[in-house]
Amino acid sequence: MSSAPDRRGVLGLRALPWALVAVLGALPWAWFPLRDELGLAGDVVAIVLPVLAVIAAIAAVALLGRRGVVVAVSALLAGTVAVVAPWTPADAGPVRPGAGVTVASANVTAMPSTVPALRASHADVLAVVENAPAIDAAVAAGYPFHLFAPGSPSVGVYSRFPLRLLQAPGPGFPGMRVAVAAPVPFVLYAMHVPKPWWTGSGGYWTTPAEHHRLVEDLAARAAREPGPVVVAGDLNSTDRARDYRLLVGSGLTDAMRAEGTGPTSVTMWRALLLRIDHLLVGPGWCGDAPRQFTLPDSDHDGITATVGPCGVTPAA
């Protein structure tokens, strides 16, 4: 019996009919009509999608040879569209002149070195998650009003306008609900939804199913608010996943898309191109001048935008 490797499988794939190659090339685009139907499996795929697209492209060329280039290009193009489309501008309109409030959100990873960047954001209202007592004291010194909830999650809200705590963090509510007495008052949800990922030590920060339930609850809470609402924080929901589409589909507007935006998870997860920090506003509100800012030693970028009641868009 010959010990030479049997290459018929590979040769067979490399001789695959072009009609089947075309079908394989079309498969990556099935992500768009099927992504919400995939449920929790789709949520997980969405997180690792950029890496999967690259793996699929390499495998296509390795297994199909020259014919695999068609499949590889299709996989990379579909992956690029899925990743980049939620970063492109989708401006809901300008904020009404004189009614805007600059809101910033920052996951500081409990790093005191982020304090200068937080101060430099010049936000009227600042939500800080993965906070710490030393950071809270340093940031609060620059604001007349603040609220701080240590523990898990550790959340602080700092404001140039009076604040009133409506709900503190607790089981099933990973954040803080706060009334902000701005010129146009609003309710702020300062949130840190746990990662739907494995911790690496035998468990999860939270399961994908529980993460989805928390986001569903957040969307429902925001929809029930009788007045203006702002949702800010690290939601650990990538903008190409079902949970993000649930939030914007429930009536919230992504204020960071008044202009182009990009990934906010910027260290060990950089390759996954995750935009998981969000600034969302309720019906009738818009966002202006969004930007990201560096948080030294944190694994996130901060985000900020001026938000408020939408102005009248000039007629074309």
Protein backbone atom coordinates (compact mmCIF):
# COMPACT_ATOMS: atom_id res chain seq x y z
CA MET A 1 0.00 0.00 0.00
CA SER A 2 1.38 3.39 -0.98
CA SER A 3 2.09 5.85 1.81
CA ALA A 4 1.93 8.87 -0.54
CA PRO A 5 -0.71 11.41 0.52
CA ASP A 6 -3.99 11.18 -1.34
CA ARG A 7 -4.49 14.60 -2.92
CA ARG A 8 -7.66 13.75 -4.80
CA GLY A 9 -9.74 15.77 -2.37
CA VAL A 10 -7.75 18.94 -2.90
CA LEU A 11 -7.50 18.38 -6.64
CA GLY A 12 -11.21 17.76 -6.73
CA LEU A 13 -11.93 21.05 -4.97
CA ARG A 14 -9.59 22.91 -7.27
CA ALA A 15 -11.54 21.53 -10.23
CA LEU A 16 -14.88 22.57 -8.72
CA PRO A 17 -17.33 23.77 -11.41
CA TRP A 18 -17.56 27.53 -11.72
CA ALA A 19 -21.27 27.39 -10.91
CA LEU A 20 -20.46 25.96 -7.47
CA VAL A 21 -17.65 28.48 -7.03
CA ALA A 22 -20.22 31.23 -7.68
CA VAL A 23 -22.51 29.75 -5.03
CA LEU A 24 -19.66 29.69 -2.50
CA GLY A 25 -18.84 33.27 -3.44
CA ALA A 26 -22.42 34.32 -2.73
CA LEU A 27 -22.56 32.60 0.66
CA PRO A 28 -20.87 35.39 2.70
CA TRP A 29 -23.59 37.81 1.61
CA ALA A 30 -26.22 35.58 3.24
CA TRP A 31 -25.06 37.17 6.50
CA PHE A 32 -27.16 40.25 5.85
CA PRO A 33 -30.63 38.66 5.43
CA LEU A 34 -29.95 35.90 7.98
CA ARG A 35 -27.97 37.64 10.74
CA ASP A 36 -30.94 38.39 13.01
CA GLU A 37 -32.51 35.00 12.32
CA LEU A 38 -29.38 33.31 13.64
CA GLY A 39 -30.15 34.53 17.17
CA LEU A 40 -27.41 33.94 19.72
CA ALA A 41 -25.20 32.19 17.17
CA GLY A 42 -25.37 35.31 15.02
CA ASP A 43 -24.46 37.45 18.04
CA VAL A 44 -21.27 35.43 18.55
CA VAL A 45 -20.39 35.43 14.85
CA ALA A 46 -20.85 39.22 14.73
CA ILE A 47 -18.17 39.67 17.40
CA VAL A 48 -15.50 37.70 15.53
CA LEU A 49 -16.69 38.49 12.00
CA PRO A 50 -13.57 40.35 10.74
CA VAL A 51 -11.33 37.44 11.73
CA LEU A 52 -13.74 34.90 10.25
CA ALA A 53 -13.76 36.79 6.94
CA VAL A 54 -9.96 36.66 6.75
CA ILE A 55 -9.89 32.96 7.69
CA ALA A 56 -12.54 32.20 5.06
CA ALA A 57 -10.55 34.05 2.41
CA ILE A 58 -7.31 32.20 3.21
CA ALA A 59 -9.10 28.84 3.29
CA ALA A 60 -10.78 29.51 -0.05
CA VAL A 61 -7.47 30.15 -1.80
CA ALA A 62 -5.75 27.23 -0.05
CA LEU A 63 -8.48 24.75 -0.95
CA LEU A 64 -9.71 26.02 -4.31
CA GLY A 65 -6.56 27.51 -5.79
CA ARG A 66 -7.14 30.21 -8.40
CA ARG A 67 -10.87 29.62 -8.33
CA GLY A 68 -10.83 30.37 -4.65
CA VAL A 69 -9.78 33.95 -5.34
CA VAL A 70 -13.39 34.71 -6.30
CA VAL A 71 -14.64 33.33 -3.00
CA ALA A 72 -11.87 35.06 -1.06
CA VAL A 73 -12.61 38.47 -2.56
CA SER A 74 -16.33 38.01 -1.90
CA ALA A 75 -15.74 37.02 1.74
CA LEU A 76 -13.45 39.98 2.35
CA LEU A 77 -15.83 42.41 0.63
CA ALA A 78 -18.88 41.14 2.53
CA GLY A 79 -16.95 41.31 5.80
CA THR A 80 -15.81 44.85 5.04
CA VAL A 81 -19.35 46.02 4.30
CA ALA A 82 -20.67 44.38 7.48
CA VAL A 83 -17.98 46.05 9.60
CA VAL A 84 -17.75 49.49 8.00
CA ALA A 85 -21.39 50.22 7.12
CA PRO A 86 -22.38 51.01 10.75
CA TRP A 87 -19.49 53.50 10.94
CA THR A 88 -20.59 55.59 7.96
CA PRO A 89 -22.40 58.91 8.52
CA ALA A 90 -26.14 58.64 9.16
CA ASP A 91 -26.99 62.15 10.32
CA ALA A 92 -30.46 62.58 11.81
CA GLY A 93 -30.14 66.35 11.48
CA PRO A 94 -28.66 69.24 13.46
CA VAL A 95 -29.28 69.98 17.10
CA ARG A 96 -31.48 73.03 17.70
CA PRO A 97 -29.22 76.07 18.20
CA GLY A 98 -28.74 76.88 21.87
CA ALA A 99 -30.31 73.62 23.09
CA GLY A 100 -27.32 71.29 22.84
CA VAL A 101 -25.55 69.56 25.72
CA THR A 102 -22.16 67.91 25.26
CA VAL A 103 -22.28 64.36 26.61
CA ALA A 104 -19.24 62.10 26.88
CA SER A 105 -18.86 58.45 27.82
CA ALA A 106 -15.65 56.73 28.88
CA ASN A 107 -14.69 53.26 30.02
CA VAL A 108 -11.51 54.10 31.92
CA THR A 109 -10.53 50.55 32.98
CA ALA A 110 -9.97 51.96 36.50
CA MET A 111 -6.85 53.79 35.25
CA PRO A 112 -6.12 57.12 37.03
CA SER A 113 -4.00 58.11 34.03
CA THR A 114 -7.25 58.72 32.13
CA VAL A 115 -8.25 61.68 34.33
CA PRO A 116 -6.55 64.40 32.20
CA ALA A 117 -8.33 63.09 29.10
CA LEU A 118 -11.66 63.08 30.93
CA ARG A 119 -11.12 66.69 31.97
CA ALA A 120 -10.03 67.63 28.47
CA SER A 121 -13.30 66.29 27.02
CA HIS A 122 -14.98 69.45 28.38
CA ALA A 123 -18.26 67.54 28.55
CA ASP A 124 -21.31 69.13 30.14
CA VAL A 125 -22.31 65.63 31.25
CA LEU A 126 -19.77 62.83 31.58
CA ALA A 127 -20.51 59.14 32.19
CA VAL A 128 -17.54 57.09 33.44
CA VAL A 129 -17.62 53.29 33.78
CA GLU A 130 -15.07 50.90 35.24
CA ASN A 131 -14.63 53.84 37.58
CA ALA A 132 -12.69 53.92 40.85
CA PRO A 133 -12.83 56.09 44.00
CA ALA A 134 -9.60 57.95 43.16
CA ILE A 135 -10.84 58.70 39.64
CA ASP A 136 -14.22 59.76 40.97
CA ALA A 137 -12.66 62.24 43.40
CA ALA A 138 -10.38 63.72 40.73
CA VAL A 139 -13.10 64.15 38.12
CA ALA A 140 -15.76 65.34 40.58
CA ALA A 141 -13.48 68.23 41.57
CA GLY A 142 -14.17 69.78 38.16
CA TYR A 143 -17.96 69.47 38.24
CA PRO A 144 -20.56 71.02 40.55
CA PHE A 145 -22.76 67.91 40.50
CA HIS A 146 -21.87 64.25 40.51
CA LEU A 147 -23.10 60.77 41.42
CA PHE A 148 -20.92 57.73 42.02
CA ALA A 149 -21.85 54.08 42.49
CA PRO A 150 -18.87 51.86 43.38
CA GLY A 151 -18.97 48.12 42.96
CA SER A 152 -19.77 46.15 39.84
CA PRO A 153 -20.47 48.00 37.68
CA SER A 154 -18.67 51.05 39.03
CA VAL A 155 -20.35 54.07 37.42
CA GLY A 156 -19.99 57.81 37.87
CA VAL A 157 -21.94 60.70 36.33
CA TYR A 158 -20.49 64.23 36.41
CA SER A 159 -22.48 67.26 35.32
CA ARG A 160 -22.63 71.02 35.04
CA PHE A 161 -26.38 70.66 35.64
CA PRO A 162 -28.18 69.34 38.73
CA LEU A 163 -28.57 65.56 38.90
CA ARG A 164 -31.12 63.34 40.59
CA LEU A 165 -30.58 59.61 40.98
CA LEU A 166 -33.60 57.69 39.71
CA GLN A 167 -32.13 54.18 39.89
CA ALA A 168 -28.81 52.86 41.12
CA PRO A 169 -27.03 49.80 39.70
CA GLY A 170 -28.48 46.53 40.87
CA PRO A 171 -29.29 42.97 39.79
CA GLY A 172 -30.51 43.07 36.22
CA PHE A 173 -29.63 46.76 35.77
CA PRO A 174 -25.92 47.32 35.05
CA GLY A 175 -25.89 51.09 35.19
CA MET A 176 -27.38 54.25 36.58
CA ARG A 177 -30.59 56.08 35.63
CA VAL A 178 -30.28 59.79 36.30
CA ALA A 179 -32.44 62.87 35.75
CA VAL A 180 -30.34 65.71 34.31
CA ALA A 181 -31.75 69.22 34.83
CA ALA A 182 -30.19 70.63 31.64
CA PRO A 183 -31.86 73.56 29.83
CA VAL A 184 -33.86 70.82 28.11
CA PRO A 185 -34.11 68.18 30.88
CA PHE A 186 -33.47 64.56 30.00
CA VAL A 187 -33.02 61.14 31.57
CA LEU A 188 -29.55 59.64 31.24
CA TYR A 189 -28.85 55.90 31.27
CA ALA A 190 -25.13 55.57 32.13
CA MET A 191 -24.50 51.90 31.41
CA HIS A 192 -21.88 49.17 31.53
CA VAL A 193 -23.44 45.99 30.17
CA PRO A 194 -21.15 42.99 30.88
CA LYS A 195 -19.21 41.35 28.06
CA PRO A 196 -20.94 38.35 26.47
CA TRP A 197 -17.57 36.60 26.38
CA TRP A 198 -15.65 33.88 28.12
CA THR A 199 -13.43 35.15 30.95
CA GLY A 200 -10.68 32.65 30.17
CA SER A 201 -10.99 31.11 33.63
CA GLY A 202 -13.92 28.76 33.25
CA GLY A 203 -16.87 31.14 33.02
CA TYR A 204 -18.45 34.14 31.32
CA TRP A 205 -18.73 37.78 32.29
CA THR A 206 -22.26 37.15 31.11
CA THR A 207 -23.70 34.70 28.62
CA PRO A 208 -24.79 35.90 25.17
CA ALA A 209 -28.37 35.11 26.16
CA GLU A 210 -28.21 37.19 29.34
CA HIS A 211 -26.47 40.02 27.49
CA HIS A 212 -29.30 40.07 24.96
CA ARG A 213 -31.87 40.13 27.76
CA LEU A 214 -30.12 43.09 29.41
CA VAL A 215 -30.09 45.03 26.13
CA GLU A 216 -33.75 44.19 25.48
CA ASP A 217 -34.56 45.54 28.93
CA LEU A 218 -32.54 48.70 28.30
CA ALA A 219 -34.33 49.32 25.00
CA ALA A 220 -37.71 48.80 26.67
CA ARG A 221 -36.85 51.13 29.57
CA ALA A 222 -35.69 53.87 27.21
CA ALA A 223 -38.82 53.50 25.08
CA ARG A 224 -41.01 53.96 28.18
CA GLU A 225 -39.43 57.27 29.17
CA PRO A 226 -42.07 60.00 28.76
CA GLY A 227 -39.48 62.66 27.88
CA PRO A 228 -36.05 62.99 26.28
CA VAL A 229 -33.62 60.16 26.93
CA VAL A 230 -29.89 59.61 26.40
CA VAL A 231 -28.14 56.24 26.64
CA ALA A 232 -24.37 56.42 27.11
CA GLY A 233 -21.76 53.88 28.07
CA ASP A 234 -19.97 50.66 27.28
CA LEU A 235 -22.80 48.42 26.12
CA ASN A 236 -20.45 45.65 24.91
CA SER A 237 -22.73 45.45 21.86
CA THR A 238 -20.88 45.66 18.57
CA ASP A 239 -22.67 47.82 16.05
CA ARG A 240 -22.85 44.97 13.54
CA ALA A 241 -24.80 42.73 15.91
CA ARG A 242 -28.45 42.14 16.71
CA ASP A 243 -28.40 43.99 20.04
CA TYR A 244 -27.27 47.24 18.44
CA ARG A 245 -29.97 46.96 15.77
CA LEU A 246 -32.49 46.32 18.53
CA LEU A 247 -31.54 49.59 20.23
CA VAL A 248 -31.64 51.77 17.12
CA GLY A 249 -34.76 49.96 15.94
CA SER A 250 -36.56 50.81 19.19
CA GLY A 251 -36.49 54.54 18.43
CA LEU A 252 -32.98 55.49 19.58
CA THR A 253 -30.63 57.40 17.27
CA ASP A 254 -26.88 56.80 17.21
CA ALA A 255 -25.49 60.29 17.87
CA MET A 256 -21.97 59.14 16.96
CA ARG A 257 -23.07 58.62 13.37
CA ALA A 258 -23.75 62.28 12.74
CA GLU A 259 -20.29 61.91 11.21
CA GLY A 260 -18.10 58.87 10.59
CA THR A 261 -16.98 56.82 13.58
CA GLY A 262 -14.89 53.73 14.25
CA PRO A 263 -13.86 51.01 16.73
CA THR A 264 -13.73 51.94 20.41
CA SER A 265 -12.18 48.70 21.74
CA VAL A 266 -8.55 49.53 21.09
CA THR A 267 -6.15 47.10 22.80
CA MET A 268 -6.22 43.31 22.99
CA TRP A 269 -9.45 43.07 20.97
CA ARG A 270 -8.33 45.57 18.31
CA ALA A 271 -8.33 42.96 15.52
CA LEU A 272 -12.06 42.42 16.01
CA LEU A 273 -12.80 46.07 15.09
CA LEU A 274 -15.43 46.44 17.80
CA ARG A 275 -17.42 49.65 18.30
CA ILE A 276 -19.05 48.83 21.63
CA ASP A 277 -19.21 52.23 23.35
CA HIS A 278 -22.33 54.10 22.33
CA LEU A 279 -24.12 57.42 22.68
CA LEU A 280 -27.77 57.08 21.75
CA VAL A 281 -30.58 59.63 21.95
CA GLY A 282 -34.33 59.24 21.98
CA PRO A 283 -36.97 60.38 19.47
CA GLY A 284 -36.80 64.03 18.51
CA TRP A 285 -33.16 64.40 19.53
CA CYS A 286 -30.10 64.61 17.30
CA GLY A 287 -26.32 64.71 17.62
CA ASP A 288 -23.64 67.12 16.39
CA ALA A 289 -19.82 67.08 16.32
CA PRO A 290 -19.21 63.50 17.50
CA ARG A 291 -15.64 62.46 18.14
CA GLN A 292 -13.56 59.80 19.83
CA PHE A 293 -10.75 60.63 22.23
CA THR A 294 -7.86 58.62 23.61
CA LEU A 295 -7.97 57.36 27.19
CA PRO A 296 -4.34 56.62 28.18
CA ASP A 297 -3.88 53.04 29.45
CA SER A 298 -7.57 52.20 29.01
CA ASP A 299 -8.66 49.50 26.57
CA HIS A 300 -11.34 51.85 25.19
CA ASP A 301 -11.55 55.17 23.41
CA GLY A 302 -13.88 57.74 24.90
CA ILE A 303 -16.77 59.14 22.86
CA THR A 304 -18.51 62.49 22.93
CA ALA A 305 -21.09 64.49 20.98
CA THR A 306 -23.36 67.46 21.44
CA VAL A 307 -26.92 66.20 21.74
CA GLY A 308 -30.28 67.87 22.07
CA PRO A 309 -33.63 68.54 20.37
CA CYS A 310 -33.39 68.38 16.61
CA GLY A 311 -33.43 71.66 14.76
CA VAL A 312 -35.22 72.31 11.52
CA THR A 313 -33.20 71.08 8.57
CA PRO A 314 -33.00 73.79 5.91
CA ALA A 315 -34.91 73.00 2.75
CA ALA A 316 -32.76 71.85 -0.15
